[in-house]
Amino acid sequence: MPMDKNYMMEETGVKYGYMDGEYLPWGDCKVHMYSHVARYGFRTFEGIKAYWNKEKQELYVFRLQDHLERLVQSNKLMRIQIPYTVKDMTEIIVELLRKNDLRKDSYVQPSGYIGMGGLMATSPEAVFMGLMIPALPSASTEGKDFAKKVCISSWRRITDKSTPPRIKVGCNYLNSWFSRIEAQAGGYDSVLFLNDQGKVSEGAGTNLFMIRKGVPYTPPVTADILEGITRDTLKELLKEELGLTTIERDIDRTELCVSDEVFLCGTGSEIIPISHIDGLAVGNGGIGQITRKVRDIYFGCVRGKNPKYMKWLTPVFNGAKAA
């Protein structure tokens, strides 16, 4: 069935998107079917969350600068050349959130993309390269008491030797797609990857933390992971707020099953406690004590309730001029 051009507009209240220098009506935000982004998934992107603070009547974009700097790095490695600085994109995103009057938890996805032009071209003279940004409401998992059952995927994590996971690029997520449909077919909620060395890498679009004897561990950046911004945030919160230093090292598959706690994290996923791996209970089979504590601290941080971490927040409405 052909998609209505107003798809999602009535559900979300979103009126505008941003494409290549213009704030366009939602239904007019289109790329051609023969563009490289449509044919091959040639686009970099960032998933960025903004959180509504009801008491302050303010929307805070979390770690916007860090996300945009990572987007610039991804563009560099993909040879996507667009005439936008981090400052430019910051102003565009804040204005887009204002135009859509998003006074609720939201998700922003700036994307550098390759459009029409020569096959495998890498210069703006030979192929169009642009910037598109949607911003949509996105509910938070805050206050929801849940833990997920996962399996170890039979698919290995993509590697820096072939399709570098350090680049946040659309076509890399085919790896996660295959693993997710495998997990769902087996009755699991989600999945964990091993890398080509057989060590734990990450989840499908999420980084991983393991707690053993009160010590947090996470796979190193050389384990074919995305260098996650939420991962970096939680390392700092664990240390500053709970006095726990995260150790980065290789993790064995079986080590996860005998650990006290395991959780996944990511901008969109936030913090996901893991209850079972391949049918084996992790710890008490529920949300671990440290996981629960750091999750509460995290949500206080992203909503602007902890003055110590206002450095990570970009205000959209009332505080925008002052910022």
C-alpha atoms as a PDB file:
ATOM      1  CA  MET A   1       0.000   0.000   0.000  1.00  0.00           C
ATOM      2  CA  PRO A   2       1.408   3.448  -0.892  1.00  0.00           C
ATOM      3  CA  MET A   3       2.395   5.410   2.209  1.00  0.00           C
ATOM      4  CA  ASP A   4       0.381   8.551   2.852  1.00  0.00           C
ATOM      5  CA  LYS A   5       2.607  11.632   2.747  1.00  0.00           C
ATOM      6  CA  ASN A   6       1.290  12.619   6.171  1.00  0.00           C
ATOM      7  CA  TYR A   7       2.324   9.263   7.670  1.00  0.00           C
ATOM      8  CA  MET A   8       2.902   9.670  11.414  1.00  0.00           C
ATOM      9  CA  MET A   9       2.085  13.397  11.392  1.00  0.00           C
ATOM     10  CA  GLU A  10      -1.316  12.945  13.016  1.00  0.00           C
ATOM     11  CA  GLU A  11       0.034  10.401  15.531  1.00  0.00           C
ATOM     12  CA  THR A  12       3.057  12.431  16.606  1.00  0.00           C
ATOM     13  CA  GLY A  13       2.102  16.042  15.977  1.00  0.00           C
ATOM     14  CA  VAL A  14       5.329  16.529  14.038  1.00  0.00           C
ATOM     15  CA  LYS A  15       4.986  19.183  11.349  1.00  0.00           C
ATOM     16  CA  TYR A  16       8.526  19.722  10.124  1.00  0.00           C
ATOM     17  CA  GLY A  17      11.726  17.942   9.237  1.00  0.00           C
ATOM     18  CA  TYR A  18      15.033  19.391   8.093  1.00  0.00           C
ATOM     19  CA  MET A  19      16.567  18.641   4.704  1.00  0.00           C
ATOM     20  CA  ASP A  20      19.534  20.329   3.052  1.00  0.00           C
ATOM     21  CA  GLY A  21      19.097  23.865   4.289  1.00  0.00           C
ATOM     22  CA  GLU A  22      15.306  23.924   4.697  1.00  0.00           C
ATOM     23  CA  TYR A  23      12.703  23.186   7.355  1.00  0.00           C
ATOM     24  CA  LEU A  24      10.182  21.333   5.217  1.00  0.00           C
ATOM     25  CA  PRO A  25       6.634  20.126   5.907  1.00  0.00           C
ATOM     26  CA  TRP A  26       6.838  16.555   7.161  1.00  0.00           C
ATOM     27  CA  GLY A  27       5.255  15.053   4.054  1.00  0.00           C
ATOM     28  CA  ASP A  28       7.751  16.807   1.777  1.00  0.00           C
ATOM     29  CA  CYS A  29      10.876  15.335   3.389  1.00  0.00           C
ATOM     30  CA  LYS A  30      11.851  12.876   0.644  1.00  0.00           C
ATOM     31  CA  VAL A  31      14.828  11.388  -1.173  1.00  0.00           C
ATOM     32  CA  HIS A  32      14.719   9.814  -4.620  1.00  0.00           C
ATOM     33  CA  MET A  33      14.300   6.050  -4.899  1.00  0.00           C
ATOM     34  CA  TYR A  34      17.471   5.872  -7.014  1.00  0.00           C
ATOM     35  CA  SER A  35      19.654   7.726  -4.519  1.00  0.00           C
ATOM     36  CA  HIS A  36      22.543   5.860  -2.893  1.00  0.00           C
ATOM     37  CA  VAL A  37      20.930   6.184   0.534  1.00  0.00           C
ATOM     38  CA  ALA A  38      17.776   4.444  -0.721  1.00  0.00           C
ATOM     39  CA  ARG A  39      19.590   1.813  -2.789  1.00  0.00           C
ATOM     40  CA  TYR A  40      22.443   0.905  -0.455  1.00  0.00           C
ATOM     41  CA  GLY A  41      21.812   2.552   2.909  1.00  0.00           C
ATOM     42  CA  PHE A  42      24.735   4.939   2.440  1.00  0.00           C
ATOM     43  CA  ARG A  43      24.152   7.306   5.342  1.00  0.00           C
ATOM     44  CA  THR A  44      25.748   8.123   8.652  1.00  0.00           C
ATOM     45  CA  PHE A  45      23.526   9.027  11.558  1.00  0.00           C
ATOM     46  CA  GLU A  46      23.235   9.778  15.248  1.00  0.00           C
ATOM     47  CA  GLY A  47      20.383   8.885  17.567  1.00  0.00           C
ATOM     48  CA  ILE A  48      20.002  11.707  20.100  1.00  0.00           C
ATOM     49  CA  LYS A  49      17.501  11.868  22.965  1.00  0.00           C
ATOM     50  CA  ALA A  50      15.911  14.984  24.406  1.00  0.00           C
ATOM     51  CA  TYR A  51      14.169  14.802  27.790  1.00  0.00           C
ATOM     52  CA  TRP A  52      11.317  16.914  29.107  1.00  0.00           C
ATOM     53  CA  ASN A  53      11.618  18.386  32.613  1.00  0.00           C
ATOM     54  CA  LYS A  54       8.086  19.100  33.768  1.00  0.00           C
ATOM     55  CA  GLU A  55       9.089  21.195  36.786  1.00  0.00           C
ATOM     56  CA  LYS A  56      11.341  23.489  34.741  1.00  0.00           C
ATOM     57  CA  GLN A  57       9.118  23.304  31.640  1.00  0.00           C
ATOM     58  CA  GLU A  58      12.250  22.707  29.601  1.00  0.00           C
ATOM     59  CA  LEU A  59      13.412  20.175  27.026  1.00  0.00           C
ATOM     60  CA  TYR A  60      17.048  19.123  27.403  1.00  0.00           C
ATOM     61  CA  VAL A  61      18.998  17.526  24.549  1.00  0.00           C
ATOM     62  CA  PHE A  62      21.455  15.078  26.071  1.00  0.00           C
ATOM     63  CA  ARG A  63      25.112  15.238  25.029  1.00  0.00           C
ATOM     64  CA  LEU A  64      24.298  16.912  21.738  1.00  0.00           C
ATOM     65  CA  GLN A  65      27.856  18.117  21.172  1.00  0.00           C
ATOM     66  CA  ASP A  66      29.317  14.630  21.656  1.00  0.00           C
ATOM     67  CA  HIS A  67      26.821  13.060  19.275  1.00  0.00           C
ATOM     68  CA  LEU A  68      27.497  15.611  16.567  1.00  0.00           C
ATOM     69  CA  GLU A  69      31.253  15.241  16.934  1.00  0.00           C
ATOM     70  CA  ARG A  70      30.842  11.493  16.431  1.00  0.00           C
ATOM     71  CA  LEU A  71      28.697  12.186  13.361  1.00  0.00           C
ATOM     72  CA  VAL A  72      31.530  14.300  11.944  1.00  0.00           C
ATOM     73  CA  GLN A  73      33.924  11.388  12.533  1.00  0.00           C
ATOM     74  CA  SER A  74      31.571   8.957  10.794  1.00  0.00           C
ATOM     75  CA  ASN A  75      31.220  11.347   7.857  1.00  0.00           C
ATOM     76  CA  LYS A  76      35.000  11.562   7.596  1.00  0.00           C
ATOM     77  CA  LEU A  77      35.406   7.788   7.407  1.00  0.00           C
ATOM     78  CA  MET A  78      32.530   7.472   4.917  1.00  0.00           C
ATOM     79  CA  ARG A  79      33.893  10.355   2.794  1.00  0.00           C
ATOM     80  CA  ILE A  80      30.600  12.208   3.198  1.00  0.00           C
ATOM     81  CA  GLN A  81      31.317  15.916   2.792  1.00  0.00           C
ATOM     82  CA  ILE A  82      28.565  18.255   3.951  1.00  0.00           C
ATOM     83  CA  PRO A  83      28.923  22.008   4.630  1.00  0.00           C
ATOM     84  CA  TYR A  84      27.703  21.895   8.233  1.00  0.00           C
ATOM     85  CA  THR A  85      29.769  22.382  11.382  1.00  0.00           C
ATOM     86  CA  VAL A  86      28.867  21.034  14.818  1.00  0.00           C
ATOM     87  CA  LYS A  87      27.701  24.557  15.709  1.00  0.00           C
ATOM     88  CA  ASP A  88      25.520  24.704  12.580  1.00  0.00           C
ATOM     89  CA  MET A  89      23.872  21.360  13.346  1.00  0.00           C
ATOM     90  CA  THR A  90      23.342  22.297  16.991  1.00  0.00           C
ATOM     91  CA  GLU A  91      21.399  25.399  15.981  1.00  0.00           C
ATOM     92  CA  ILE A  92      19.414  23.479  13.351  1.00  0.00           C
ATOM     93  CA  ILE A  93      18.377  20.764  15.815  1.00  0.00           C
ATOM     94  CA  VAL A  94      17.349  23.183  18.560  1.00  0.00           C
ATOM     95  CA  GLU A  95      15.270  25.167  16.057  1.00  0.00           C
ATOM     96  CA  LEU A  96      13.681  21.995  14.668  1.00  0.00           C
ATOM     97  CA  LEU A  97      12.576  20.944  18.164  1.00  0.00           C
ATOM     98  CA  ARG A  98      11.120  24.407  18.700  1.00  0.00           C
ATOM     99  CA  LYS A  99       9.300  24.431  15.370  1.00  0.00           C
ATOM    100  CA  ASN A 100       7.655  21.111  16.219  1.00  0.00           C
ATOM    101  CA  ASP A 101       6.970  22.356  19.775  1.00  0.00           C
ATOM    102  CA  LEU A 102       8.179  19.039  21.172  1.00  0.00           C
ATOM    103  CA  ARG A 103       7.513  19.453  24.882  1.00  0.00           C
ATOM    104  CA  LYS A 104       7.932  15.755  25.623  1.00  0.00           C
ATOM    105  CA  ASP A 105      10.676  13.142  25.482  1.00  0.00           C
ATOM    106  CA  SER A 106      11.936  13.111  21.903  1.00  0.00           C
ATOM    107  CA  TYR A 107      14.384  11.451  19.540  1.00  0.00           C
ATOM    108  CA  VAL A 108      16.463  13.319  16.952  1.00  0.00           C
ATOM    109  CA  GLN A 109      18.370  11.591  14.157  1.00  0.00           C
ATOM    110  CA  PRO A 110      20.720  13.814  12.122  1.00  0.00           C
ATOM    111  CA  SER A 111      21.986  11.948   9.091  1.00  0.00           C
ATOM    112  CA  GLY A 112      24.617  12.691   6.478  1.00  0.00           C
ATOM    113  CA  TYR A 113      23.567  10.912   3.300  1.00  0.00           C
ATOM    114  CA  ILE A 114      24.702  10.187  -0.237  1.00  0.00           C
ATOM    115  CA  GLY A 115      22.085  10.996  -2.846  1.00  0.00           C
ATOM    116  CA  MET A 116      22.107  10.996  -6.629  1.00  0.00           C
ATOM    117  CA  GLY A 117      25.315  10.709  -8.624  1.00  0.00           C
ATOM    118  CA  GLY A 118      28.049   8.410  -9.832  1.00  0.00           C
ATOM    119  CA  LEU A 119      28.277   4.906  -8.406  1.00  0.00           C
ATOM    120  CA  MET A 120      30.662   4.763  -5.444  1.00  0.00           C
ATOM    121  CA  ALA A 121      31.576   8.426  -5.996  1.00  0.00           C
ATOM    122  CA  THR A 122      33.299  10.095  -3.043  1.00  0.00           C
ATOM    123  CA  SER A 123      33.349  13.789  -3.969  1.00  0.00           C
ATOM    124  CA  PRO A 124      30.547  16.378  -3.840  1.00  0.00           C
ATOM    125  CA  GLU A 125      31.278  17.206  -7.486  1.00  0.00           C
ATOM    126  CA  ALA A 126      30.359  13.653  -8.549  1.00  0.00           C
ATOM    127  CA  VAL A 127      27.509  12.819  -6.173  1.00  0.00           C
ATOM    128  CA  PHE A 128      25.069  14.811  -4.032  1.00  0.00           C
ATOM    129  CA  MET A 129      25.762  14.693  -0.288  1.00  0.00           C
ATOM    130  CA  GLY A 130      23.247  16.119   2.132  1.00  0.00           C
ATOM    131  CA  LEU A 131      21.933  16.406   5.669  1.00  0.00           C
ATOM    132  CA  MET A 132      18.491  15.308   6.841  1.00  0.00           C
ATOM    133  CA  ILE A 133      17.122  15.490  10.388  1.00  0.00           C
ATOM    134  CA  PRO A 134      13.821  14.151  11.748  1.00  0.00           C
ATOM    135  CA  ALA A 135      12.720  14.819  15.335  1.00  0.00           C
ATOM    136  CA  LEU A 136       9.923  12.740  16.856  1.00  0.00           C
ATOM    137  CA  PRO A 137       8.358  12.056  20.255  1.00  0.00           C
ATOM    138  CA  SER A 138       9.992   9.047  21.916  1.00  0.00           C
ATOM    139  CA  ALA A 139       8.764   7.527  25.170  1.00  0.00           C
ATOM    140  CA  SER A 140      11.291   6.797  27.920  1.00  0.00           C
ATOM    141  CA  THR A 141      11.692   3.542  29.849  1.00  0.00           C
ATOM    142  CA  GLU A 142      12.035   5.504  33.096  1.00  0.00           C
ATOM    143  CA  GLY A 143       9.983   3.972  35.921  1.00  0.00           C
ATOM    144  CA  LYS A 144       9.314   0.748  34.025  1.00  0.00           C
ATOM    145  CA  ASP A 145      10.271  -2.380  35.952  1.00  0.00           C
ATOM    146  CA  PHE A 146      11.463  -4.921  33.398  1.00  0.00           C
ATOM    147  CA  ALA A 147      14.348  -7.208  32.526  1.00  0.00           C
ATOM    148  CA  LYS A 148      14.935  -8.975  29.211  1.00  0.00           C
ATOM    149  CA  LYS A 149      15.839 -12.478  28.145  1.00  0.00           C
ATOM    150  CA  VAL A 150      18.565 -12.606  25.512  1.00  0.00           C
ATOM    151  CA  CYS A 151      20.528 -15.187  23.566  1.00  0.00           C
ATOM    152  CA  ILE A 152      24.004 -15.264  22.098  1.00  0.00           C
ATOM    153  CA  SER A 153      23.614 -14.789  18.352  1.00  0.00           C
ATOM    154  CA  SER A 154      24.991 -17.324  15.901  1.00  0.00           C
ATOM    155  CA  TRP A 155      25.917 -14.297  13.783  1.00  0.00           C
ATOM    156  CA  ARG A 156      29.251 -12.675  14.655  1.00  0.00           C
ATOM    157  CA  ARG A 157      29.639  -8.956  15.152  1.00  0.00           C
ATOM    158  CA  ILE A 158      30.883  -7.029  12.134  1.00  0.00           C
ATOM    159  CA  THR A 159      34.547  -6.182  12.419  1.00  0.00           C
ATOM    160  CA  ASP A 160      36.867  -3.268  11.760  1.00  0.00           C
ATOM    161  CA  LYS A 161      38.509  -5.532   9.181  1.00  0.00           C
ATOM    162  CA  SER A 162      35.443  -5.348   6.943  1.00  0.00           C
ATOM    163  CA  THR A 163      32.606  -2.957   7.860  1.00  0.00           C
ATOM    164  CA  PRO A 164      33.855  -0.892  10.823  1.00  0.00           C
ATOM    165  CA  PRO A 165      31.345  -0.744  13.700  1.00  0.00           C
ATOM    166  CA  ARG A 166      33.054   2.439  14.898  1.00  0.00           C
ATOM    167  CA  ILE A 167      31.215   4.214  12.075  1.00  0.00           C
ATOM    168  CA  LYS A 168      27.545   4.788  12.879  1.00  0.00           C
ATOM    169  CA  VAL A 169      26.259   4.070   9.400  1.00  0.00           C
ATOM    170  CA  GLY A 170      22.889   2.709   8.303  1.00  0.00           C
ATOM    171  CA  CYS A 171      24.115  -0.338   6.392  1.00  0.00           C
ATOM    172  CA  ASN A 172      25.986  -1.628   9.477  1.00  0.00           C
ATOM    173  CA  TYR A 173      22.643  -2.282  11.148  1.00  0.00           C
ATOM    174  CA  LEU A 174      21.893  -5.184   8.828  1.00  0.00           C
ATOM    175  CA  ASN A 175      24.064  -7.164  11.255  1.00  0.00           C
ATOM    176  CA  SER A 176      21.654  -6.300  14.077  1.00  0.00           C
ATOM    177  CA  TRP A 177      18.647  -7.070  11.878  1.00  0.00           C
ATOM    178  CA  PHE A 178      19.780 -10.648  11.242  1.00  0.00           C
ATOM    179  CA  SER A 179      20.510 -11.215  14.925  1.00  0.00           C
ATOM    180  CA  ARG A 180      17.178  -9.771  16.084  1.00  0.00           C
ATOM    181  CA  ILE A 181      15.034 -11.925  13.796  1.00  0.00           C
ATOM    182  CA  GLU A 182      17.011 -14.969  14.922  1.00  0.00           C
ATOM    183  CA  ALA A 183      16.418 -14.058  18.581  1.00  0.00           C
ATOM    184  CA  GLN A 184      12.698 -13.445  18.065  1.00  0.00           C
ATOM    185  CA  ALA A 185      12.307 -16.772  16.277  1.00  0.00           C
ATOM    186  CA  GLY A 186      13.822 -18.433  19.341  1.00  0.00           C
ATOM    187  CA  GLY A 187      11.493 -16.667  21.773  1.00  0.00           C
ATOM    188  CA  TYR A 188      14.043 -14.181  23.144  1.00  0.00           C
ATOM    189  CA  ASP A 189      13.638 -10.450  23.679  1.00  0.00           C
ATOM    190  CA  SER A 190      16.997  -9.483  22.256  1.00  0.00           C
ATOM    191  CA  VAL A 191      20.497 -10.664  21.457  1.00  0.00           C
ATOM    192  CA  LEU A 192      24.199 -10.417  22.297  1.00  0.00           C
ATOM    193  CA  PHE A 193      27.067 -10.605  19.822  1.00  0.00           C
ATOM    194  CA  LEU A 194      30.453 -12.276  20.021  1.00  0.00           C
ATOM    195  CA  ASN A 195      33.221 -10.812  17.863  1.00  0.00           C
ATOM    196  CA  ASP A 196      35.342 -12.821  15.453  1.00  0.00           C
ATOM    197  CA  GLN A 197      37.695 -13.680  18.344  1.00  0.00           C
ATOM    198  CA  GLY A 198      34.827 -15.284  20.253  1.00  0.00           C
ATOM    199  CA  LYS A 199      34.751 -12.561  22.924  1.00  0.00           C
ATOM    200  CA  VAL A 200      31.657 -10.618  23.972  1.00  0.00           C
ATOM    201  CA  SER A 201      31.153  -7.519  21.822  1.00  0.00           C
ATOM    202  CA  GLU A 202      27.781  -5.803  22.341  1.00  0.00           C
ATOM    203  CA  GLY A 203      24.043  -6.098  21.828  1.00  0.00           C
ATOM    204  CA  ALA A 204      22.033  -5.180  18.735  1.00  0.00           C
ATOM    205  CA  GLY A 205      22.537  -1.427  18.810  1.00  0.00           C
ATOM    206  CA  THR A 206      23.561  -1.407  22.482  1.00  0.00           C
ATOM    207  CA  ASN A 207      26.731  -1.558  24.562  1.00  0.00           C
ATOM    208  CA  LEU A 208      27.126  -4.028  27.411  1.00  0.00           C
ATOM    209  CA  PHE A 209      28.109  -3.837  31.082  1.00  0.00           C
ATOM    210  CA  MET A 210      28.716  -6.800  33.379  1.00  0.00           C
ATOM    211  CA  ILE A 211      28.895  -6.668  37.203  1.00  0.00           C
ATOM    212  CA  ARG A 212      30.996  -9.299  39.005  1.00  0.00           C
ATOM    213  CA  LYS A 213      31.591  -9.078  42.765  1.00  0.00           C
ATOM    214  CA  GLY A 214      30.606  -5.428  42.740  1.00  0.00           C
ATOM    215  CA  VAL A 215      32.965  -4.457  39.911  1.00  0.00           C
ATOM    216  CA  PRO A 216      31.631  -3.169  36.558  1.00  0.00           C
ATOM    217  CA  TYR A 217      33.245  -4.454  33.361  1.00  0.00           C
ATOM    218  CA  THR A 218      32.651  -3.550  29.724  1.00  0.00           C
ATOM    219  CA  PRO A 219      34.241  -4.788  26.479  1.00  0.00           C
ATOM    220  CA  PRO A 220      37.031  -2.516  25.152  1.00  0.00           C
ATOM    221  CA  VAL A 221      36.660  -0.324  22.060  1.00  0.00           C
ATOM    222  CA  THR A 222      38.805  -2.892  20.213  1.00  0.00           C
ATOM    223  CA  ALA A 223      36.107  -5.568  20.676  1.00  0.00           C
ATOM    224  CA  ASP A 224      34.279  -4.335  17.559  1.00  0.00           C
ATOM    225  CA  ILE A 225      31.843  -2.121  19.438  1.00  0.00           C
ATOM    226  CA  LEU A 226      30.361   1.248  18.670  1.00  0.00           C
ATOM    227  CA  GLU A 227      32.088   3.734  20.971  1.00  0.00           C
ATOM    228  CA  GLY A 228      28.859   4.507  22.780  1.00  0.00           C
ATOM    229  CA  ILE A 229      28.047   7.865  24.334  1.00  0.00           C
ATOM    230  CA  THR A 230      25.670   6.267  26.847  1.00  0.00           C
ATOM    231  CA  ARG A 231      28.452   3.785  27.663  1.00  0.00           C
ATOM    232  CA  ASP A 232      30.793   6.695  28.335  1.00  0.00           C
ATOM    233  CA  THR A 233      28.129   8.429  30.437  1.00  0.00           C
ATOM    234  CA  LEU A 234      27.538   5.377  32.623  1.00  0.00           C
ATOM    235  CA  LYS A 235      31.257   4.836  33.197  1.00  0.00           C
ATOM    236  CA  GLU A 236      31.417   8.360  34.617  1.00  0.00           C
ATOM    237  CA  LEU A 237      28.237   8.015  36.679  1.00  0.00           C
ATOM    238  CA  LEU A 238      29.339   4.677  38.142  1.00  0.00           C
ATOM    239  CA  LYS A 239      32.601   6.246  39.243  1.00  0.00           C
ATOM    240  CA  GLU A 240      31.397   9.660  40.409  1.00  0.00           C
ATOM    241  CA  GLU A 241      28.120   8.637  42.035  1.00  0.00           C
ATOM    242  CA  LEU A 242      28.728   5.035  43.180  1.00  0.00           C
ATOM    243  CA  GLY A 243      32.510   4.977  43.551  1.00  0.00           C
ATOM    244  CA  LEU A 244      32.861   2.123  41.042  1.00  0.00           C
ATOM    245  CA  THR A 245      35.604   2.183  38.418  1.00  0.00           C
ATOM    246  CA  THR A 246      34.659   0.348  35.220  1.00  0.00           C
ATOM    247  CA  ILE A 247      37.292  -2.038  33.891  1.00  0.00           C
ATOM    248  CA  GLU A 248      37.534  -2.366  30.116  1.00  0.00           C
ATOM    249  CA  ARG A 249      38.672  -5.845  29.096  1.00  0.00           C
ATOM    250  CA  ASP A 250      37.705  -8.867  27.027  1.00  0.00           C
ATOM    251  CA  ILE A 251      34.737 -10.800  28.425  1.00  0.00           C
ATOM    252  CA  ASP A 252      34.052 -14.487  27.820  1.00  0.00           C
ATOM    253  CA  ARG A 253      30.606 -15.743  26.882  1.00  0.00           C
ATOM    254  CA  THR A 254      30.340 -18.037  29.912  1.00  0.00           C
ATOM    255  CA  GLU A 255      31.503 -15.255  32.216  1.00  0.00           C
ATOM    256  CA  LEU A 256      28.264 -13.403  31.548  1.00  0.00           C
ATOM    257  CA  CYS A 257      26.219 -16.351  32.779  1.00  0.00           C
ATOM    258  CA  VAL A 258      28.034 -16.525  36.126  1.00  0.00           C
ATOM    259  CA  SER A 259      28.047 -12.764  36.706  1.00  0.00           C
ATOM    260  CA  ASP A 260      25.891 -10.925  39.233  1.00  0.00           C
ATOM    261  CA  GLU A 261      24.342  -8.434  36.811  1.00  0.00           C
ATOM    262  CA  VAL A 262      24.334  -7.645  33.098  1.00  0.00           C
ATOM    263  CA  PHE A 263      22.747  -4.658  31.421  1.00  0.00           C
ATOM    264  CA  LEU A 264      22.710  -3.113  27.963  1.00  0.00           C
ATOM    265  CA  CYS A 265      22.702   0.588  27.224  1.00  0.00           C
ATOM    266  CA  GLY A 266      22.233   2.992  24.341  1.00  0.00           C
ATOM    267  CA  THR A 267      20.699   6.358  23.584  1.00  0.00           C
ATOM    268  CA  GLY A 268      17.409   4.983  22.293  1.00  0.00           C
ATOM    269  CA  SER A 269      17.336   1.881  24.505  1.00  0.00           C
ATOM    270  CA  GLU A 270      18.547   3.760  27.617  1.00  0.00           C
ATOM    271  CA  ILE A 271      19.342   1.044  30.210  1.00  0.00           C
ATOM    272  CA  ILE A 272      18.105  -2.528  29.699  1.00  0.00           C
ATOM    273  CA  PRO A 273      18.556  -5.010  32.572  1.00  0.00           C
ATOM    274  CA  ILE A 274      19.215  -8.599  31.433  1.00  0.00           C
ATOM    275  CA  SER A 275      17.526 -11.383  33.398  1.00  0.00           C
ATOM    276  CA  HIS A 276      18.519 -14.476  31.390  1.00  0.00           C
ATOM    277  CA  ILE A 277      21.158 -15.386  28.804  1.00  0.00           C
ATOM    278  CA  ASP A 278      20.535 -18.519  26.727  1.00  0.00           C
ATOM    279  CA  GLY A 279      17.953 -19.590  29.312  1.00  0.00           C
ATOM    280  CA  LEU A 280      20.319 -19.204  32.290  1.00  0.00           C
ATOM    281  CA  ALA A 281      19.405 -16.689  34.990  1.00  0.00           C
ATOM    282  CA  VAL A 282      21.779 -13.798  35.553  1.00  0.00           C
ATOM    283  CA  GLY A 283      22.158 -13.161  39.273  1.00  0.00           C
ATOM    284  CA  ASN A 284      18.703 -13.231  40.843  1.00  0.00           C
ATOM    285  CA  GLY A 285      16.997 -13.259  37.439  1.00  0.00           C
ATOM    286  CA  GLY A 286      15.798  -9.677  37.761  1.00  0.00           C
ATOM    287  CA  ILE A 287      17.129  -6.145  37.970  1.00  0.00           C
ATOM    288  CA  GLY A 288      20.411  -6.035  39.856  1.00  0.00           C
ATOM    289  CA  GLN A 289      21.063  -3.566  42.660  1.00  0.00           C
ATOM    290  CA  ILE A 290      23.819  -1.630  40.873  1.00  0.00           C
ATOM    291  CA  THR A 291      21.849  -1.611  37.604  1.00  0.00           C
ATOM    292  CA  ARG A 292      18.844  -0.117  39.380  1.00  0.00           C
ATOM    293  CA  LYS A 293      20.926   2.529  41.133  1.00  0.00           C
ATOM    294  CA  VAL A 294      22.802   3.692  38.047  1.00  0.00           C
ATOM    295  CA  ARG A 295      19.590   3.724  36.017  1.00  0.00           C
ATOM    296  CA  ASP A 296      17.928   6.077  38.527  1.00  0.00           C
ATOM    297  CA  ILE A 297      21.004   8.301  38.549  1.00  0.00           C
ATOM    298  CA  TYR A 298      21.047   8.351  34.746  1.00  0.00           C
ATOM    299  CA  PHE A 299      17.455   9.538  34.414  1.00  0.00           C
ATOM    300  CA  GLY A 300      18.010  12.254  36.999  1.00  0.00           C
ATOM    301  CA  CYS A 301      21.007  13.381  34.985  1.00  0.00           C
ATOM    302  CA  VAL A 302      19.353  13.491  31.531  1.00  0.00           C
ATOM    303  CA  ARG A 303      16.308  15.391  32.849  1.00  0.00           C
ATOM    304  CA  GLY A 304      18.385  18.173  34.358  1.00  0.00           C
ATOM    305  CA  LYS A 305      17.663  17.210  37.963  1.00  0.00           C
ATOM    306  CA  ASN A 306      21.331  16.946  38.934  1.00  0.00           C
ATOM    307  CA  PRO A 307      23.157  20.301  38.597  1.00  0.00           C
ATOM    308  CA  LYS A 308      26.490  18.475  38.455  1.00  0.00           C
ATOM    309  CA  TYR A 309      25.747  17.208  34.941  1.00  0.00           C
ATOM    310  CA  MET A 310      24.144  20.252  33.344  1.00  0.00           C
ATOM    311  CA  LYS A 311      27.311  20.406  31.217  1.00  0.00           C
ATOM    312  CA  TRP A 312      25.811  17.594  29.115  1.00  0.00           C
ATOM    313  CA  LEU A 313      22.470  19.309  28.474  1.00  0.00           C
ATOM    314  CA  THR A 314      21.388  21.710  25.734  1.00  0.00           C
ATOM    315  CA  PRO A 315      18.158  23.571  26.627  1.00  0.00           C
ATOM    316  CA  VAL A 316      15.622  24.110  23.851  1.00  0.00           C
ATOM    317  CA  PHE A 317      12.951  26.492  25.104  1.00  0.00           C
ATOM    318  CA  ASN A 318      13.317  28.718  28.184  1.00  0.00           C
ATOM    319  CA  GLY A 319      17.052  28.298  28.685  1.00  0.00           C
ATOM    320  CA  ALA A 320      18.104  28.399  25.040  1.00  0.00           C
ATOM    321  CA  LYS A 321      18.973  32.116  24.904  1.00  0.00           C
ATOM    322  CA  ALA A 322      20.968  31.957  28.124  1.00  0.00           C
ATOM    323  CA  ALA A 323      22.878  28.909  26.866  1.00  0.00           C
END
